[in-house]
Amino acid sequence: MENEIVKILSDLSNFVKMVSPEVWNTLVRQQIIEGILGLAATIFVYCGMFICFILIKINPKCISIDGSPLPAAIFGSILLAFAIALTILVAAQFIPQLLNPQYYALMAIKP
């Protein structure tokens, strides 16, 4: 009985030694992919907001009240400031994931 347990544990240990590098590499690659997707989504949102800002600057009457371009200009400026702040906040989360994927792979393993 004891020999069977030792053999099973030995086989399990050999299996873990063989599989663990592949699992680790997969986790690291997944963190890189998540970082790239997060940055791409951030850039996409930023570009959309920037395009809205440009459109508002080109045609301020599109959202103006009573034909006054002042609210449109204020709205466009707030929109651009929000886009820049959002980009900085989200990029601050995903850039470290790209620069240090091993750390985030460890965090993915930790329950």
Protein backbone atom coordinates (compact mmCIF):
# COMPACT_ATOMS: atom_id res chain seq x y z
CA MET A 1 0.00 0.00 0.00
CA GLU A 2 2.78 2.42 0.94
CA ASN A 3 4.68 1.68 -2.28
CA GLU A 4 1.56 2.44 -4.32
CA ILE A 5 1.16 5.81 -2.60
CA VAL A 6 4.82 6.65 -3.21
CA LYS A 7 4.47 5.66 -6.88
CA ILE A 8 1.30 7.75 -7.30
CA LEU A 9 2.96 10.76 -5.65
CA SER A 10 6.06 10.31 -7.78
CA ASP A 11 3.97 10.16 -10.95
CA LEU A 12 2.04 13.23 -9.84
CA SER A 13 5.26 15.10 -9.09
CA ASN A 14 6.68 14.23 -12.52
CA PHE A 15 3.45 15.38 -14.17
CA VAL A 16 3.49 18.71 -12.32
CA LYS A 17 7.16 19.24 -13.26
CA MET A 18 6.30 18.61 -16.89
CA VAL A 19 3.13 20.73 -17.04
CA SER A 20 3.99 23.68 -14.77
CA PRO A 21 6.25 25.53 -17.25
CA GLU A 22 3.49 25.42 -19.86
CA VAL A 23 0.89 26.65 -17.38
CA TRP A 24 3.22 29.45 -16.27
CA ASN A 25 3.93 30.54 -19.84
CA THR A 26 0.21 30.51 -20.61
CA LEU A 27 -0.56 32.67 -17.58
CA VAL A 28 2.17 35.18 -18.52
CA ARG A 29 0.92 35.37 -22.12
CA GLN A 30 -2.63 35.87 -20.86
CA GLN A 31 -1.55 38.84 -18.74
CA ILE A 32 0.17 40.41 -21.75
CA ILE A 33 -2.96 39.90 -23.85
CA GLU A 34 -5.15 41.44 -21.14
CA GLY A 35 -2.82 44.43 -20.94
CA ILE A 36 -2.89 44.94 -24.71
CA LEU A 37 -6.69 44.61 -24.87
CA GLY A 38 -7.11 47.05 -22.00
CA LEU A 39 -4.87 49.63 -23.63
CA ALA A 40 -6.56 49.12 -26.99
CA ALA A 41 -9.99 49.69 -25.41
CA THR A 42 -8.67 52.79 -23.68
CA ILE A 43 -7.26 54.17 -26.90
CA PHE A 44 -10.52 53.39 -28.71
CA VAL A 45 -12.57 55.28 -26.11
CA TYR A 46 -10.09 58.15 -26.11
CA CYS A 47 -10.22 58.42 -29.91
CA GLY A 48 -14.03 58.43 -29.85
CA MET A 49 -14.10 61.19 -27.29
CA PHE A 50 -11.48 63.15 -29.20
CA ILE A 51 -13.53 62.85 -32.40
CA CYS A 52 -16.58 64.13 -30.49
CA PHE A 53 -14.49 67.02 -29.21
CA ILE A 54 -13.34 67.89 -32.74
CA LEU A 55 -16.89 67.65 -34.10
CA ILE A 56 -18.15 69.95 -31.37
CA LYS A 57 -15.37 72.43 -32.10
CA ILE A 58 -16.17 72.34 -35.84
CA ASN A 59 -19.92 72.71 -35.37
CA PRO A 60 -20.63 74.11 -31.90
CA LYS A 61 -24.32 74.57 -32.67
CA CYS A 62 -24.84 70.81 -32.74
CA ILE A 63 -25.35 70.77 -28.96
CA SER A 64 -25.74 74.43 -28.18
CA ILE A 65 -28.65 75.88 -26.28
CA ASP A 66 -30.43 78.76 -28.01
CA GLY A 67 -27.69 78.92 -30.67
CA SER A 68 -25.04 79.93 -28.16
CA PRO A 69 -21.73 78.14 -28.81
CA LEU A 70 -20.43 78.73 -25.29
CA PRO A 71 -22.12 75.65 -23.72
CA ALA A 72 -20.85 73.52 -26.60
CA ALA A 73 -17.30 74.73 -26.12
CA ILE A 74 -17.49 74.06 -22.40
CA PHE A 75 -18.98 70.62 -23.03
CA GLY A 76 -16.26 69.80 -25.56
CA SER A 77 -13.51 70.90 -23.20
CA ILE A 78 -14.96 68.86 -20.34
CA LEU A 79 -15.28 65.86 -22.65
CA LEU A 80 -11.63 66.10 -23.69
CA ALA A 81 -10.46 66.55 -20.10
CA PHE A 82 -12.51 63.51 -19.08
CA ALA A 83 -10.99 61.49 -21.92
CA ILE A 84 -7.47 62.41 -20.90
CA ALA A 85 -8.15 61.59 -17.22
CA LEU A 86 -9.78 58.29 -18.17
CA THR A 87 -6.85 57.37 -20.39
CA ILE A 88 -4.35 58.07 -17.62
CA LEU A 89 -6.32 56.08 -15.04
CA VAL A 90 -6.91 53.06 -17.24
CA ALA A 91 -3.42 53.08 -18.73
CA ALA A 92 -2.03 53.12 -15.19
CA GLN A 93 -3.71 49.78 -14.67
CA PHE A 94 -2.71 48.09 -17.93
CA ILE A 95 0.83 49.38 -18.54
CA PRO A 96 2.23 47.60 -15.45
CA GLN A 97 0.50 44.44 -16.64
CA LEU A 98 2.45 44.69 -19.89
CA LEU A 99 5.74 45.58 -18.21
CA ASN A 100 5.58 42.94 -15.47
CA PRO A 101 3.29 40.10 -16.59
CA GLN A 102 4.99 37.60 -14.24
CA TYR A 103 3.71 39.47 -11.20
CA TYR A 104 0.16 39.53 -12.53
CA ALA A 105 0.43 35.84 -13.45
CA LEU A 106 1.29 35.15 -9.82
CA MET A 107 -1.69 37.25 -8.75
CA ALA A 108 -3.90 35.18 -11.10
CA ILE A 109 -2.73 31.98 -9.41
CA LYS A 110 -3.17 33.27 -5.87
CA PRO A 111 -6.71 32.58 -4.62
